[in-house]
C-alpha atoms as a PDB file:
ATOM      1  CA  MET A   1      -0.046  -0.947  29.150  1.00  0.00           C
ATOM      2  CA  SER A   2      -1.865  -3.766  27.380  1.00  0.00           C
ATOM      3  CA  SER A   3      -0.106  -6.105  24.979  1.00  0.00           C
ATOM      4  CA  THR A   4      -3.342  -6.562  22.980  1.00  0.00           C
ATOM      5  CA  PRO A   5      -3.024  -5.096  19.467  1.00  0.00           C
ATOM      6  CA  HIS A   6      -5.098  -2.033  18.631  1.00  0.00           C
ATOM      7  CA  PRO A   7      -8.494  -3.238  17.340  1.00  0.00           C
ATOM      8  CA  ALA A   8      -8.068  -1.317  14.067  1.00  0.00           C
ATOM      9  CA  LEU A   9      -4.743  -3.014  13.289  1.00  0.00           C
ATOM     10  CA  HIS A  10      -5.021  -6.296  11.447  1.00  0.00           C
ATOM     11  CA  PRO A  11      -1.797  -7.773  10.063  1.00  0.00           C
ATOM     12  CA  VAL A  12      -2.273  -9.351   6.658  1.00  0.00           C
ATOM     13  CA  HIS A  13       0.115 -11.782   4.986  1.00  0.00           C
ATOM     14  CA  LEU A  14      -0.476 -12.460   1.281  1.00  0.00           C
ATOM     15  CA  ILE A  15       1.625 -14.072  -1.415  1.00  0.00           C
ATOM     16  CA  SER A  16       1.759 -12.665  -4.931  1.00  0.00           C
ATOM     17  CA  GLU A  17       3.449 -14.484  -7.771  1.00  0.00           C
ATOM     18  CA  SER A  18       4.028 -11.486 -10.065  1.00  0.00           C
ATOM     19  CA  PRO A  19       4.214  -7.695 -10.101  1.00  0.00           C
ATOM     20  CA  GLU A  20       0.894  -7.676 -11.971  1.00  0.00           C
ATOM     21  CA  GLN A  21      -0.794  -9.678  -9.190  1.00  0.00           C
ATOM     22  CA  THR A  22       0.729  -7.314  -6.625  1.00  0.00           C
ATOM     23  CA  GLU A  23      -0.594  -4.244  -8.474  1.00  0.00           C
ATOM     24  CA  GLN A  24      -4.055  -5.837  -8.724  1.00  0.00           C
ATOM     25  CA  LEU A  25      -3.936  -6.508  -4.990  1.00  0.00           C
ATOM     26  CA  GLY A  26      -3.162  -2.803  -4.488  1.00  0.00           C
ATOM     27  CA  ILE A  27      -6.159  -1.795  -6.603  1.00  0.00           C
ATOM     28  CA  THR A  28      -8.380  -4.103  -4.546  1.00  0.00           C
ATOM     29  CA  LEU A  29      -6.918  -2.813  -1.291  1.00  0.00           C
ATOM     30  CA  ALA A  30      -7.498   0.808  -2.344  1.00  0.00           C
ATOM     31  CA  ALA A  31     -11.244   0.145  -2.567  1.00  0.00           C
ATOM     32  CA  MET A  32     -11.249  -0.854   1.121  1.00  0.00           C
ATOM     33  CA  LEU A  33      -9.357   2.167   2.447  1.00  0.00           C
ATOM     34  CA  ASN A  34     -10.945   4.976   4.401  1.00  0.00           C
ATOM     35  CA  PRO A  35      -9.881   8.626   3.936  1.00  0.00           C
ATOM     36  CA  ASN A  36      -6.659   9.536   5.759  1.00  0.00           C
ATOM     37  CA  THR A  37      -5.600   5.891   6.081  1.00  0.00           C
ATOM     38  CA  VAL A  38      -1.864   5.469   6.628  1.00  0.00           C
ATOM     39  CA  ILE A  39      -0.181   2.360   5.226  1.00  0.00           C
ATOM     40  CA  CYS A  40       3.278   1.283   6.314  1.00  0.00           C
ATOM     41  CA  LEU A  41       5.142  -0.940   3.863  1.00  0.00           C
ATOM     42  CA  ALA A  42       8.142  -2.901   5.043  1.00  0.00           C
ATOM     43  CA  GLY A  43      10.139  -5.405   3.052  1.00  0.00           C
ATOM     44  CA  ASP A  44      13.428  -6.232   1.441  1.00  0.00           C
ATOM     45  CA  LEU A  45      14.469  -4.699  -1.866  1.00  0.00           C
ATOM     46  CA  GLY A  46      12.419  -6.350  -4.594  1.00  0.00           C
ATOM     47  CA  ALA A  47       9.659  -7.442  -2.228  1.00  0.00           C
ATOM     48  CA  GLY A  48       6.970  -5.636  -4.252  1.00  0.00           C
ATOM     49  CA  LYS A  49       6.447  -2.436  -2.272  1.00  0.00           C
ATOM     50  CA  THR A  50       6.505  -0.244  -5.382  1.00  0.00           C
ATOM     51  CA  ALA A  51       4.155  -2.537  -7.334  1.00  0.00           C
ATOM     52  CA  LEU A  52       1.718  -2.530  -4.408  1.00  0.00           C
ATOM     53  CA  THR A  53       1.987   1.267  -4.127  1.00  0.00           C
ATOM     54  CA  ARG A  54       1.335   1.643  -7.880  1.00  0.00           C
ATOM     55  CA  GLY A  55      -1.805  -0.481  -7.534  1.00  0.00           C
ATOM     56  CA  ILE A  56      -3.059   1.447  -4.511  1.00  0.00           C
ATOM     57  CA  ALA A  57      -2.411   4.747  -6.297  1.00  0.00           C
ATOM     58  CA  GLU A  58      -4.253   3.537  -9.401  1.00  0.00           C
ATOM     59  CA  GLY A  59      -7.162   2.325  -7.300  1.00  0.00           C
ATOM     60  CA  LEU A  60      -7.395   5.734  -5.616  1.00  0.00           C
ATOM     61  CA  GLY A  61      -7.301   7.613  -8.918  1.00  0.00           C
ATOM     62  CA  CYS A  62      -3.807   9.042  -8.519  1.00  0.00           C
ATOM     63  CA  GLN A  63      -2.657  10.599 -11.789  1.00  0.00           C
ATOM     64  CA  GLN A  64       0.989  11.153 -10.827  1.00  0.00           C
ATOM     65  CA  PRO A  65       3.718   8.572 -11.418  1.00  0.00           C
ATOM     66  CA  VAL A  66       4.595   6.432  -8.407  1.00  0.00           C
ATOM     67  CA  SER A  67       8.237   6.018  -7.509  1.00  0.00           C
ATOM     68  CA  SER A  68       9.863   3.548  -5.167  1.00  0.00           C
ATOM     69  CA  PRO A  69       9.065   4.228  -1.506  1.00  0.00           C
ATOM     70  CA  THR A  70      12.368   2.655  -0.412  1.00  0.00           C
ATOM     71  CA  PHE A  71      14.466   5.067   1.659  1.00  0.00           C
ATOM     72  CA  THR A  72      11.576   7.555   1.814  1.00  0.00           C
ATOM     73  CA  LEU A  73      10.190   8.518   5.191  1.00  0.00           C
ATOM     74  CA  ILE A  74       6.858   9.887   3.925  1.00  0.00           C
ATOM     75  CA  MET A  75       5.543  10.052   0.369  1.00  0.00           C
ATOM     76  CA  GLU A  76       2.062  11.431  -0.300  1.00  0.00           C
ATOM     77  CA  HIS A  77       0.126  10.657  -3.506  1.00  0.00           C
ATOM     78  CA  PRO A  78      -2.894  12.950  -4.022  1.00  0.00           C
ATOM     79  CA  ALA A  79      -5.981  11.072  -5.220  1.00  0.00           C
ATOM     80  CA  SER A  80      -9.188  12.256  -6.837  1.00  0.00           C
ATOM     81  CA  GLY A  81     -11.514  10.333  -4.536  1.00  0.00           C
END
């Protein structure tokens, strides 16, 4: 077994200074996603997971409200695109 990361996995570390910046980052990220992409969010309470999820959902055209993904194993948000 190789210890080299999978070529499609690229860890990204970004710093946002507000929930609004985090949501905008999510909108930008959504434009780069391919269909059936799975995103795993990990972070402490208050880290910005919900704000990022709201931005991604908005960027994908999701019309449903986004709730906190904390303590949820899988949450799907249907998108128009």
